[in-house]
């Protein structure tokens, strides 16, 4: 399982594997790394094979950029996984533009020379990013906001490179182009008030993945696993349990 969800709300008997993408948290980064979606999918597959994780099909979870990668992974390596949870994934052609997408369309005309809303470089910009990403209004002191920015600033050039790789034409709609190849049972979770990736993407996926299950969370924005961690964990656990029960019933018929 590949998930950013805190293990606090997941059963202790779950074998949980959380993968930090290159350049995030304590992982290294290299100028030679391929940060395109397909490049990151290949890297995850190398990791999966290196630890023999796919000796038995596993449940795969991804959110936002991770959801984009998880969905394409499911399409490219269907025998590796038994089921899939996509949480507000990127990589789709959205019927409705989100607040962020409207901003990006303006920026695209200038070659992204302006500040990218998801890459803050001041406490004020960090606060604006958090408001964009979350429907729930977390009260964060200015000193903490500044501390968060200070940690990120040395890495902002990397985040910019990563962002530009993801919005590049060869990566931007990879999930949309791959979603009809997803054959495993799929769960789609989205915050109803997502301003980063519009909730209309849920119907796009549901219409293309037969039998997929959609869960729209009220009073929730893009940061689903931060805003509603307990609910998200329960939805995923229930989804997996129902699949296992269905499979067991088939074996006893």
C-alpha atoms as a PDB file:
ATOM      1  CA  UNK A   1       0.000   0.000   0.000  1.00  0.00           C
ATOM      2  CA  UNK A   2       1.309   3.445  -0.951  1.00  0.00           C
ATOM      3  CA  UNK A   3      -0.320   6.145   1.149  1.00  0.00           C
ATOM      4  CA  UNK A   4       0.314   9.452   2.910  1.00  0.00           C
ATOM      5  CA  UNK A   5      -2.373   8.674   5.482  1.00  0.00           C
ATOM      6  CA  UNK A   6      -1.241   8.528   9.084  1.00  0.00           C
ATOM      7  CA  UNK A   7      -1.106   4.991  10.427  1.00  0.00           C
ATOM      8  CA  UNK A   8      -2.875   6.335  13.544  1.00  0.00           C
ATOM      9  CA  UNK A   9      -6.264   5.622  11.988  1.00  0.00           C
ATOM     10  CA  UNK A  10      -5.390   2.367  10.220  1.00  0.00           C
ATOM     11  CA  UNK A  11      -5.574  -1.152  11.720  1.00  0.00           C
ATOM     12  CA  UNK A  12      -2.340  -2.278  13.368  1.00  0.00           C
ATOM     13  CA  UNK A  13      -2.358  -5.502  11.347  1.00  0.00           C
ATOM     14  CA  UNK A  14      -2.042  -3.639   8.027  1.00  0.00           C
ATOM     15  CA  UNK A  15       1.278  -4.007   6.243  1.00  0.00           C
ATOM     16  CA  UNK A  16       1.636  -0.343   5.368  1.00  0.00           C
ATOM     17  CA  UNK A  17       4.351   0.921   3.035  1.00  0.00           C
ATOM     18  CA  UNK A  18       4.619   4.712   2.636  1.00  0.00           C
ATOM     19  CA  UNK A  19       6.874   6.038  -0.105  1.00  0.00           C
ATOM     20  CA  UNK A  20       8.382   9.532  -0.072  1.00  0.00           C
ATOM     21  CA  UNK A  21       8.759  10.739  -3.641  1.00  0.00           C
ATOM     22  CA  UNK A  22      12.198  12.042  -4.746  1.00  0.00           C
ATOM     23  CA  UNK A  23      13.085  15.346  -3.105  1.00  0.00           C
ATOM     24  CA  UNK A  24      10.351  15.099  -0.484  1.00  0.00           C
ATOM     25  CA  UNK A  25      11.024  14.702   3.229  1.00  0.00           C
ATOM     26  CA  UNK A  26      14.427  13.055   3.626  1.00  0.00           C
ATOM     27  CA  UNK A  27      14.839  11.612   0.140  1.00  0.00           C
ATOM     28  CA  UNK A  28      17.609  12.714  -2.168  1.00  0.00           C
ATOM     29  CA  UNK A  29      17.203  14.298  -5.569  1.00  0.00           C
ATOM     30  CA  UNK A  30      19.359  14.376  -8.655  1.00  0.00           C
ATOM     31  CA  UNK A  31      19.444  16.559 -11.745  1.00  0.00           C
ATOM     32  CA  UNK A  32      19.354  13.295 -13.686  1.00  0.00           C
ATOM     33  CA  UNK A  33      16.041  12.164 -12.156  1.00  0.00           C
ATOM     34  CA  UNK A  34      13.057  11.963 -14.480  1.00  0.00           C
ATOM     35  CA  UNK A  35      10.259  13.866 -12.726  1.00  0.00           C
ATOM     36  CA  UNK A  36       7.663  13.254 -15.436  1.00  0.00           C
ATOM     37  CA  UNK A  37       4.710  11.103 -14.381  1.00  0.00           C
ATOM     38  CA  UNK A  38       5.929   8.118 -16.401  1.00  0.00           C
ATOM     39  CA  UNK A  39       9.400   8.551 -14.923  1.00  0.00           C
ATOM     40  CA  UNK A  40       7.970   8.501 -11.403  1.00  0.00           C
ATOM     41  CA  UNK A  41       5.777   5.496 -12.199  1.00  0.00           C
ATOM     42  CA  UNK A  42       8.858   3.588 -13.381  1.00  0.00           C
ATOM     43  CA  UNK A  43      10.692   4.576 -10.191  1.00  0.00           C
ATOM     44  CA  UNK A  44       7.854   3.306  -7.983  1.00  0.00           C
ATOM     45  CA  UNK A  45       7.790   0.044  -9.942  1.00  0.00           C
ATOM     46  CA  UNK A  46      11.540  -0.360  -9.419  1.00  0.00           C
ATOM     47  CA  UNK A  47      10.986   0.144  -5.698  1.00  0.00           C
ATOM     48  CA  UNK A  48       8.126  -2.379  -5.645  1.00  0.00           C
ATOM     49  CA  UNK A  49      10.239  -4.995  -7.419  1.00  0.00           C
ATOM     50  CA  UNK A  50      13.333  -4.304  -5.304  1.00  0.00           C
ATOM     51  CA  UNK A  51      11.517  -5.234  -2.079  1.00  0.00           C
ATOM     52  CA  UNK A  52       9.403  -7.922  -3.771  1.00  0.00           C
ATOM     53  CA  UNK A  53       6.232  -6.097  -2.733  1.00  0.00           C
ATOM     54  CA  UNK A  54       4.347  -7.471  -5.743  1.00  0.00           C
ATOM     55  CA  UNK A  55       4.832 -11.119  -4.799  1.00  0.00           C
ATOM     56  CA  UNK A  56       1.178 -10.753  -3.868  1.00  0.00           C
ATOM     57  CA  UNK A  57      -1.080  -8.067  -5.426  1.00  0.00           C
ATOM     58  CA  UNK A  58      -1.405  -5.080  -3.092  1.00  0.00           C
ATOM     59  CA  UNK A  59      -3.824  -2.207  -2.567  1.00  0.00           C
ATOM     60  CA  UNK A  60      -2.440   1.072  -3.913  1.00  0.00           C
ATOM     61  CA  UNK A  61      -3.338   4.533  -2.580  1.00  0.00           C
ATOM     62  CA  UNK A  62      -2.314   7.895  -3.983  1.00  0.00           C
ATOM     63  CA  UNK A  63      -3.398  11.477  -3.382  1.00  0.00           C
ATOM     64  CA  UNK A  64      -3.034  14.535  -5.648  1.00  0.00           C
ATOM     65  CA  UNK A  65       0.265  14.083  -7.537  1.00  0.00           C
ATOM     66  CA  UNK A  66       0.540  10.662  -5.894  1.00  0.00           C
ATOM     67  CA  UNK A  67      -2.971   9.861  -7.168  1.00  0.00           C
ATOM     68  CA  UNK A  68      -1.900  10.791 -10.683  1.00  0.00           C
ATOM     69  CA  UNK A  69       1.068   8.438 -10.372  1.00  0.00           C
ATOM     70  CA  UNK A  70      -0.949   5.673  -8.671  1.00  0.00           C
ATOM     71  CA  UNK A  71      -3.609   5.736 -11.397  1.00  0.00           C
ATOM     72  CA  UNK A  72      -1.048   5.497 -14.200  1.00  0.00           C
ATOM     73  CA  UNK A  73       0.759   2.769 -12.256  1.00  0.00           C
ATOM     74  CA  UNK A  74      -2.485   0.776 -12.051  1.00  0.00           C
ATOM     75  CA  UNK A  75      -2.923   1.121 -15.805  1.00  0.00           C
ATOM     76  CA  UNK A  76       0.657   0.117 -16.634  1.00  0.00           C
ATOM     77  CA  UNK A  77       1.188  -2.639 -14.043  1.00  0.00           C
ATOM     78  CA  UNK A  78      -2.274  -4.139 -13.444  1.00  0.00           C
ATOM     79  CA  UNK A  79      -0.935  -7.491 -12.202  1.00  0.00           C
ATOM     80  CA  UNK A  80       0.932  -5.758  -9.333  1.00  0.00           C
ATOM     81  CA  UNK A  81      -2.184  -4.522  -7.570  1.00  0.00           C
ATOM     82  CA  UNK A  82      -5.502  -5.937  -6.387  1.00  0.00           C
ATOM     83  CA  UNK A  83      -7.336  -2.643  -5.840  1.00  0.00           C
ATOM     84  CA  UNK A  84      -6.866   1.111  -5.926  1.00  0.00           C
ATOM     85  CA  UNK A  85      -7.810   4.248  -3.984  1.00  0.00           C
ATOM     86  CA  UNK A  86      -7.415   7.567  -5.797  1.00  0.00           C
ATOM     87  CA  UNK A  87      -7.733  10.653  -3.605  1.00  0.00           C
ATOM     88  CA  UNK A  88      -8.342  13.882  -5.584  1.00  0.00           C
ATOM     89  CA  UNK A  89      -5.793  12.845  -8.243  1.00  0.00           C
ATOM     90  CA  UNK A  90      -4.186  15.175 -10.755  1.00  0.00           C
ATOM     91  CA  UNK A  91      -3.722  14.221 -14.413  1.00  0.00           C
ATOM     92  CA  UNK A  92      -7.296  14.611 -15.666  1.00  0.00           C
ATOM     93  CA  UNK A  93      -9.127  16.842 -18.107  1.00  0.00           C
ATOM     94  CA  UNK A  94     -11.528  18.511 -15.691  1.00  0.00           C
ATOM     95  CA  UNK A  95     -14.975  19.636 -16.891  1.00  0.00           C
ATOM     96  CA  UNK A  96     -14.809  22.558 -14.455  1.00  0.00           C
ATOM     97  CA  UNK A  97     -11.760  24.679 -13.680  1.00  0.00           C
ATOM     98  CA  UNK A  98     -10.660  24.939 -10.067  1.00  0.00           C
ATOM     99  CA  UNK A  99      -9.470  28.218  -8.575  1.00  0.00           C
ATOM    100  CA  UNK A 100      -5.873  27.051  -9.053  1.00  0.00           C
ATOM    101  CA  UNK A 101      -6.449  26.031 -12.687  1.00  0.00           C
ATOM    102  CA  UNK A 102      -7.870  29.461 -13.483  1.00  0.00           C
ATOM    103  CA  UNK A 103      -4.713  31.017 -12.056  1.00  0.00           C
ATOM    104  CA  UNK A 104      -2.487  28.594 -13.962  1.00  0.00           C
ATOM    105  CA  UNK A 105      -4.197  29.331 -17.277  1.00  0.00           C
ATOM    106  CA  UNK A 106      -3.302  32.992 -16.837  1.00  0.00           C
ATOM    107  CA  UNK A 107       0.240  32.084 -15.824  1.00  0.00           C
ATOM    108  CA  UNK A 108       0.687  29.717 -18.765  1.00  0.00           C
ATOM    109  CA  UNK A 109       0.432  32.632 -21.162  1.00  0.00           C
ATOM    110  CA  UNK A 110       3.447  34.244 -19.491  1.00  0.00           C
ATOM    111  CA  UNK A 111       5.539  31.070 -19.355  1.00  0.00           C
ATOM    112  CA  UNK A 112       5.060  30.583 -15.590  1.00  0.00           C
ATOM    113  CA  UNK A 113       7.242  33.602 -14.882  1.00  0.00           C
ATOM    114  CA  UNK A 114       4.944  34.592 -12.031  1.00  0.00           C
ATOM    115  CA  UNK A 115       4.923  33.058  -8.560  1.00  0.00           C
ATOM    116  CA  UNK A 116       3.390  29.583  -8.521  1.00  0.00           C
ATOM    117  CA  UNK A 117       0.674  29.494  -5.815  1.00  0.00           C
ATOM    118  CA  UNK A 118       1.811  26.077  -4.546  1.00  0.00           C
ATOM    119  CA  UNK A 119       5.401  27.259  -4.016  1.00  0.00           C
ATOM    120  CA  UNK A 120       5.326  29.922  -1.267  1.00  0.00           C
ATOM    121  CA  UNK A 121       8.345  32.038  -0.380  1.00  0.00           C
ATOM    122  CA  UNK A 122       6.911  34.121   2.474  1.00  0.00           C
ATOM    123  CA  UNK A 123       4.668  33.596   5.495  1.00  0.00           C
ATOM    124  CA  UNK A 124       1.832  35.413   3.709  1.00  0.00           C
ATOM    125  CA  UNK A 125       2.170  33.218   0.631  1.00  0.00           C
ATOM    126  CA  UNK A 126       2.247  30.106   2.828  1.00  0.00           C
ATOM    127  CA  UNK A 127      -0.993  31.204   4.461  1.00  0.00           C
ATOM    128  CA  UNK A 128      -2.588  31.748   1.048  1.00  0.00           C
ATOM    129  CA  UNK A 129      -1.451  28.301  -0.108  1.00  0.00           C
ATOM    130  CA  UNK A 130      -2.975  26.662   2.952  1.00  0.00           C
ATOM    131  CA  UNK A 131      -6.259  28.495   2.308  1.00  0.00           C
ATOM    132  CA  UNK A 132      -6.179  27.275  -1.288  1.00  0.00           C
ATOM    133  CA  UNK A 133      -5.515  23.679  -0.278  1.00  0.00           C
ATOM    134  CA  UNK A 134      -7.855  23.383   2.682  1.00  0.00           C
ATOM    135  CA  UNK A 135     -11.542  24.080   3.272  1.00  0.00           C
ATOM    136  CA  UNK A 136     -10.973  23.736   7.015  1.00  0.00           C
ATOM    137  CA  UNK A 137      -9.352  26.897   8.342  1.00  0.00           C
ATOM    138  CA  UNK A 138      -6.422  25.928  10.527  1.00  0.00           C
ATOM    139  CA  UNK A 139      -5.257  28.724  12.822  1.00  0.00           C
ATOM    140  CA  UNK A 140      -1.491  28.774  12.423  1.00  0.00           C
ATOM    141  CA  UNK A 141       0.658  31.423  14.177  1.00  0.00           C
ATOM    142  CA  UNK A 142       2.824  33.652  11.970  1.00  0.00           C
ATOM    143  CA  UNK A 143       5.990  32.249  13.549  1.00  0.00           C
ATOM    144  CA  UNK A 144       4.971  28.733  12.515  1.00  0.00           C
ATOM    145  CA  UNK A 145       4.085  29.873   8.997  1.00  0.00           C
ATOM    146  CA  UNK A 146       7.481  31.525   8.714  1.00  0.00           C
ATOM    147  CA  UNK A 147       9.153  28.376   9.989  1.00  0.00           C
ATOM    148  CA  UNK A 148       7.365  26.290   7.354  1.00  0.00           C
ATOM    149  CA  UNK A 149       8.514  28.698   4.656  1.00  0.00           C
ATOM    150  CA  UNK A 150      12.101  28.763   5.923  1.00  0.00           C
ATOM    151  CA  UNK A 151      12.255  24.967   5.612  1.00  0.00           C
ATOM    152  CA  UNK A 152      10.892  25.026   2.060  1.00  0.00           C
ATOM    153  CA  UNK A 153      12.752  27.987   0.544  1.00  0.00           C
ATOM    154  CA  UNK A 154      16.066  26.124  -0.015  1.00  0.00           C
ATOM    155  CA  UNK A 155      14.118  23.531  -2.011  1.00  0.00           C
ATOM    156  CA  UNK A 156      11.796  25.852  -3.945  1.00  0.00           C
ATOM    157  CA  UNK A 157      13.822  25.557  -7.145  1.00  0.00           C
ATOM    158  CA  UNK A 158      13.347  21.801  -7.030  1.00  0.00           C
ATOM    159  CA  UNK A 159       9.608  22.177  -6.347  1.00  0.00           C
ATOM    160  CA  UNK A 160       9.384  24.521  -9.337  1.00  0.00           C
ATOM    161  CA  UNK A 161      11.169  22.003 -11.557  1.00  0.00           C
ATOM    162  CA  UNK A 162       8.863  19.244 -10.349  1.00  0.00           C
ATOM    163  CA  UNK A 163       5.753  21.366 -10.883  1.00  0.00           C
ATOM    164  CA  UNK A 164       6.801  22.296 -14.432  1.00  0.00           C
ATOM    165  CA  UNK A 165       7.489  18.622 -15.220  1.00  0.00           C
ATOM    166  CA  UNK A 166       3.992  17.675 -14.065  1.00  0.00           C
ATOM    167  CA  UNK A 167       2.204  20.377 -16.066  1.00  0.00           C
ATOM    168  CA  UNK A 168       4.292  19.649 -19.166  1.00  0.00           C
ATOM    169  CA  UNK A 169       2.244  18.372 -22.120  1.00  0.00           C
ATOM    170  CA  UNK A 170       3.705  14.852 -21.899  1.00  0.00           C
ATOM    171  CA  UNK A 171       2.571  14.463 -18.266  1.00  0.00           C
ATOM    172  CA  UNK A 172      -0.376  16.792 -17.738  1.00  0.00           C
ATOM    173  CA  UNK A 173      -3.166  14.396 -18.742  1.00  0.00           C
ATOM    174  CA  UNK A 174      -1.484  11.013 -18.318  1.00  0.00           C
ATOM    175  CA  UNK A 175      -4.137   9.684 -15.949  1.00  0.00           C
ATOM    176  CA  UNK A 176      -6.928  10.789 -18.274  1.00  0.00           C
ATOM    177  CA  UNK A 177      -5.226   9.002 -21.153  1.00  0.00           C
ATOM    178  CA  UNK A 178      -4.675   5.850 -19.060  1.00  0.00           C
ATOM    179  CA  UNK A 179      -7.847   5.549 -16.986  1.00  0.00           C
ATOM    180  CA  UNK A 180      -9.675   3.195 -19.371  1.00  0.00           C
ATOM    181  CA  UNK A 181      -6.857   0.683 -18.787  1.00  0.00           C
ATOM    182  CA  UNK A 182      -7.531   0.528 -15.034  1.00  0.00           C
ATOM    183  CA  UNK A 183      -9.164  -2.852 -14.439  1.00  0.00           C
ATOM    184  CA  UNK A 184      -8.913  -3.358 -10.658  1.00  0.00           C
ATOM    185  CA  UNK A 185     -11.663  -2.346  -8.203  1.00  0.00           C
ATOM    186  CA  UNK A 186     -11.231   1.393  -7.724  1.00  0.00           C
ATOM    187  CA  UNK A 187     -12.279   3.829  -5.028  1.00  0.00           C
ATOM    188  CA  UNK A 188     -12.378   7.577  -5.743  1.00  0.00           C
ATOM    189  CA  UNK A 189     -12.329  10.022  -2.804  1.00  0.00           C
ATOM    190  CA  UNK A 190     -12.648  13.793  -3.281  1.00  0.00           C
ATOM    191  CA  UNK A 191     -13.245  16.869  -1.160  1.00  0.00           C
ATOM    192  CA  UNK A 192     -16.388  18.638  -2.312  1.00  0.00           C
ATOM    193  CA  UNK A 193     -14.763  22.074  -1.933  1.00  0.00           C
ATOM    194  CA  UNK A 194     -11.420  21.276  -3.579  1.00  0.00           C
ATOM    195  CA  UNK A 195      -9.952  24.501  -5.034  1.00  0.00           C
ATOM    196  CA  UNK A 196      -6.802  22.818  -6.384  1.00  0.00           C
ATOM    197  CA  UNK A 197      -8.292  19.971  -8.437  1.00  0.00           C
ATOM    198  CA  UNK A 198     -12.002  20.363  -9.090  1.00  0.00           C
ATOM    199  CA  UNK A 199     -14.352  17.700  -7.737  1.00  0.00           C
ATOM    200  CA  UNK A 200     -15.799  17.268 -11.261  1.00  0.00           C
ATOM    201  CA  UNK A 201     -12.799  14.989 -11.846  1.00  0.00           C
ATOM    202  CA  UNK A 202     -14.528  12.306  -9.757  1.00  0.00           C
ATOM    203  CA  UNK A 203     -17.235  11.820 -12.389  1.00  0.00           C
ATOM    204  CA  UNK A 204     -14.626  11.733 -15.158  1.00  0.00           C
ATOM    205  CA  UNK A 205     -12.932   8.781 -13.473  1.00  0.00           C
ATOM    206  CA  UNK A 206     -16.180   7.060 -12.486  1.00  0.00           C
ATOM    207  CA  UNK A 207     -17.463   7.195 -16.060  1.00  0.00           C
ATOM    208  CA  UNK A 208     -14.296   5.513 -17.358  1.00  0.00           C
ATOM    209  CA  UNK A 209     -13.542   2.913 -14.671  1.00  0.00           C
ATOM    210  CA  UNK A 210     -16.324   0.280 -14.536  1.00  0.00           C
ATOM    211  CA  UNK A 211     -17.737  -0.358 -11.085  1.00  0.00           C
ATOM    212  CA  UNK A 212     -15.678   2.337  -9.405  1.00  0.00           C
ATOM    213  CA  UNK A 213     -16.915   3.678  -6.069  1.00  0.00           C
ATOM    214  CA  UNK A 214     -17.073   7.442  -5.481  1.00  0.00           C
ATOM    215  CA  UNK A 215     -16.980   9.145  -2.084  1.00  0.00           C
ATOM    216  CA  UNK A 216     -17.427  12.943  -1.962  1.00  0.00           C
ATOM    217  CA  UNK A 217     -16.538  14.469   1.408  1.00  0.00           C
ATOM    218  CA  UNK A 218     -18.550  17.463   2.581  1.00  0.00           C
ATOM    219  CA  UNK A 219     -16.771  20.469   4.106  1.00  0.00           C
ATOM    220  CA  UNK A 220     -13.457  19.262   2.749  1.00  0.00           C
ATOM    221  CA  UNK A 221     -10.944  20.754   0.340  1.00  0.00           C
ATOM    222  CA  UNK A 222      -7.901  19.347  -1.455  1.00  0.00           C
ATOM    223  CA  UNK A 223      -5.956  18.283   1.647  1.00  0.00           C
ATOM    224  CA  UNK A 224      -8.294  15.364   2.251  1.00  0.00           C
ATOM    225  CA  UNK A 225      -5.939  13.284   4.371  1.00  0.00           C
ATOM    226  CA  UNK A 226      -5.147  16.281   6.601  1.00  0.00           C
ATOM    227  CA  UNK A 227      -8.674  17.645   6.890  1.00  0.00           C
ATOM    228  CA  UNK A 228     -10.489  14.317   7.261  1.00  0.00           C
ATOM    229  CA  UNK A 229      -7.866  11.708   8.216  1.00  0.00           C
ATOM    230  CA  UNK A 230     -10.165   9.479  10.288  1.00  0.00           C
ATOM    231  CA  UNK A 231     -12.932   9.479   7.666  1.00  0.00           C
ATOM    232  CA  UNK A 232     -10.505   8.838   4.810  1.00  0.00           C
ATOM    233  CA  UNK A 233      -8.869   5.939   6.632  1.00  0.00           C
ATOM    234  CA  UNK A 234     -12.277   4.407   7.423  1.00  0.00           C
ATOM    235  CA  UNK A 235     -13.403   4.671   3.803  1.00  0.00           C
ATOM    236  CA  UNK A 236     -10.257   2.906   2.594  1.00  0.00           C
ATOM    237  CA  UNK A 237     -10.412   0.186   5.258  1.00  0.00           C
ATOM    238  CA  UNK A 238     -14.109  -0.450   4.570  1.00  0.00           C
ATOM    239  CA  UNK A 239     -13.442  -0.584   0.826  1.00  0.00           C
ATOM    240  CA  UNK A 240     -10.674  -3.169   1.252  1.00  0.00           C
ATOM    241  CA  UNK A 241     -12.723  -5.199   3.765  1.00  0.00           C
ATOM    242  CA  UNK A 242     -15.751  -5.324   1.455  1.00  0.00           C
ATOM    243  CA  UNK A 243     -13.579  -6.515  -1.420  1.00  0.00           C
ATOM    244  CA  UNK A 244     -12.049  -9.233   0.764  1.00  0.00           C
ATOM    245  CA  UNK A 245     -15.485 -10.332   1.993  1.00  0.00           C
ATOM    246  CA  UNK A 246     -16.770 -10.505  -1.572  1.00  0.00           C
ATOM    247  CA  UNK A 247     -13.754 -12.574  -2.611  1.00  0.00           C
ATOM    248  CA  UNK A 248     -14.174 -14.947   0.352  1.00  0.00           C
ATOM    249  CA  UNK A 249     -17.861 -15.421  -0.428  1.00  0.00           C
ATOM    250  CA  UNK A 250     -17.001 -16.347  -4.015  1.00  0.00           C
ATOM    251  CA  UNK A 251     -14.546 -18.973  -2.771  1.00  0.00           C
ATOM    252  CA  UNK A 252     -17.242 -20.588  -0.601  1.00  0.00           C
ATOM    253  CA  UNK A 253     -19.949 -20.639  -3.246  1.00  0.00           C
END
